[in-house]
Protein backbone atom coordinates (compact mmCIF):
# COMPACT_ATOMS: atom_id res chain seq x y z
CA MET A 1 -0.04 -0.01 0.03
CA ASN A 2 1.45 3.38 -0.94
CA ILE A 3 1.48 6.36 1.44
CA ASN A 4 -1.46 8.14 -0.25
CA GLU A 5 -3.69 5.11 0.13
CA ALA A 6 -2.50 4.68 3.87
CA ILE A 7 -3.37 8.31 4.60
CA ARG A 8 -6.77 8.05 3.11
CA ILE A 9 -7.56 4.96 5.24
CA HIS A 10 -6.02 6.58 8.33
CA LEU A 11 -8.01 9.84 7.95
CA ALA A 12 -11.18 7.68 7.73
CA SER A 13 -10.16 5.89 10.99
CA VAL A 14 -9.43 9.33 12.71
CA SER A 15 -12.81 10.64 11.51
CA ALA A 16 -14.61 7.56 12.91
CA GLY A 17 -12.71 8.03 16.22
CA HIS A 18 -10.72 4.75 15.84
CA ALA A 19 -7.31 6.42 15.40
CA ASN A 20 -5.39 8.91 17.42
CA PHE A 21 -2.33 11.23 17.11
CA ASP A 22 0.11 8.37 18.06
CA ASP A 23 -1.37 6.28 15.19
CA THR A 24 -0.69 9.24 12.87
CA LEU A 25 3.02 9.27 14.09
CA ALA A 26 3.28 5.52 13.66
CA LEU A 27 1.97 5.77 10.09
CA ILE A 28 4.65 8.48 9.37
CA ASP A 29 7.36 6.40 11.00
CA LYS A 30 6.29 3.29 8.92
CA HIS A 31 6.76 5.08 5.64
CA PHE A 32 9.45 7.78 6.44
CA GLU A 33 12.69 8.19 8.41
CA TYR A 34 12.45 11.31 10.47
CA LEU A 35 15.49 13.75 10.39
CA PRO A 36 15.09 16.51 13.04
CA ALA A 37 14.56 19.89 11.29
CA GLY A 38 13.74 23.26 12.55
CA PHE A 39 10.57 24.82 11.08
CA HIS A 40 8.49 27.95 10.98
CA ASN A 41 4.76 28.08 11.34
CA GLY A 42 3.79 31.59 10.70
CA PRO A 43 5.64 33.62 13.44
CA LEU A 44 6.26 30.47 15.41
CA HIS A 45 9.61 28.77 15.18
CA SER A 46 10.58 25.37 16.49
CA ALA A 47 14.26 24.33 16.61
CA ALA A 48 15.36 20.95 15.19
CA GLY A 49 13.92 18.28 17.44
CA GLU A 50 11.37 20.63 19.19
CA ASN A 51 7.74 19.89 18.34
CA ALA A 52 8.79 16.77 16.43
CA GLY A 53 5.22 15.47 16.15
CA SER A 54 4.04 18.74 14.49
CA CYS A 55 7.07 18.75 12.28
CA ARG A 56 6.41 15.31 11.11
CA VAL A 57 2.73 15.99 10.37
CA PHE A 58 3.34 19.17 8.53
CA ALA A 59 6.13 17.52 6.53
CA LEU A 60 3.83 14.58 5.59
CA GLY A 61 1.07 16.94 4.55
CA GLN A 62 3.43 18.96 2.44
CA HIS A 63 5.01 15.85 0.98
CA CYS A 64 1.64 14.28 0.00
CA ASN A 65 0.03 17.64 -1.05
CA LEU A 66 -2.60 17.36 1.62
CA ASN A 67 -5.02 20.26 2.00
CA GLU A 68 -5.14 22.12 5.38
CA THR A 69 -8.22 20.26 6.51
CA ASP A 70 -6.73 16.85 6.07
CA THR A 71 -3.49 17.92 7.58
CA LEU A 72 -5.27 19.24 10.69
CA ASN A 73 -7.23 15.98 10.98
CA LEU A 74 -3.87 14.10 11.19
CA PHE A 75 -3.56 15.79 14.63
CA ALA A 76 -6.56 13.70 15.71
CA GLN A 77 -7.56 14.31 19.31
CA HIS A 78 -5.30 17.40 19.65
CA TYR A 79 -7.18 19.11 16.79
CA GLN A 80 -10.44 18.18 18.40
CA GLN A 81 -9.23 19.76 21.61
CA VAL A 82 -8.42 22.94 19.82
CA LEU A 83 -11.86 22.99 18.08
CA GLY A 84 -13.43 22.39 21.51
CA ASP A 85 -11.61 25.41 23.11
CA PRO A 86 -11.21 28.10 20.35
CA ALA A 87 -10.07 30.75 22.65
CA GLY A 88 -7.55 28.53 24.43
CA ASP A 89 -3.84 28.61 24.10
CA SER A 90 -2.95 24.87 23.93
CA HIS A 91 -1.44 23.24 20.85
CA GLY A 92 0.05 26.44 19.43
CA ASN A 93 1.26 24.87 16.19
CA ILE A 94 -2.24 23.60 15.37
CA ARG A 95 -3.80 27.04 16.13
CA GLN A 96 -1.28 28.87 14.03
CA PHE A 97 -1.73 26.47 11.07
CA ILE A 98 -5.54 27.09 11.32
CA SER A 99 -4.72 30.82 10.97
CA THR A 100 -2.03 30.75 8.23
CA GLY A 101 -2.26 27.36 6.59
CA TRP A 102 0.44 26.26 4.18
CA SER A 103 1.64 29.76 3.48
CA GLY A 104 3.07 29.79 6.99
CA ILE A 105 4.99 26.48 6.90
CA ARG A 106 8.74 26.47 6.05
CA PHE A 107 11.42 23.94 7.04
CA ASP A 108 15.05 24.52 7.73
CA ASN A 109 15.78 21.33 5.84
CA GLN A 110 13.64 18.31 4.74
CA PRO A 111 12.58 16.46 7.88
CA LEU A 112 11.17 13.22 6.26
CA ARG A 113 12.98 10.84 3.83
CA ALA A 114 10.76 8.15 2.20
CA ARG A 115 11.74 4.56 3.16
CA THR A 116 12.41 2.33 0.16
CA GLU A 117 9.99 -0.23 1.76
CA PRO A 118 7.60 0.58 4.66
CA ILE A 119 8.55 -1.08 8.00
CA GLU A 120 6.06 -3.38 9.64
């Protein structure tokens, strides 16, 4: 199964409440090697290794040309927490991405390298 099919199935599982953020990270790790990279999300900056989960999700979304909504849904329960508390301050990277979308995302270097074969 290629990564685009895997994402489609995973997003359906997230939508049905059967998958969470850890499952998203496991999907990424199955198909990609993570190389810590700094990234910008609008005015927010995370150094290499900081906010690694957000870095991996944004890199996957960019690599697979996902729209903002699908990318946000990959954050699973964390995105739902933000939606449930719109005036809150938790999950700053999710909140910033809601505001600026893909125009605000920039990586210092490429954080994901596709594996030749997915790991099991």
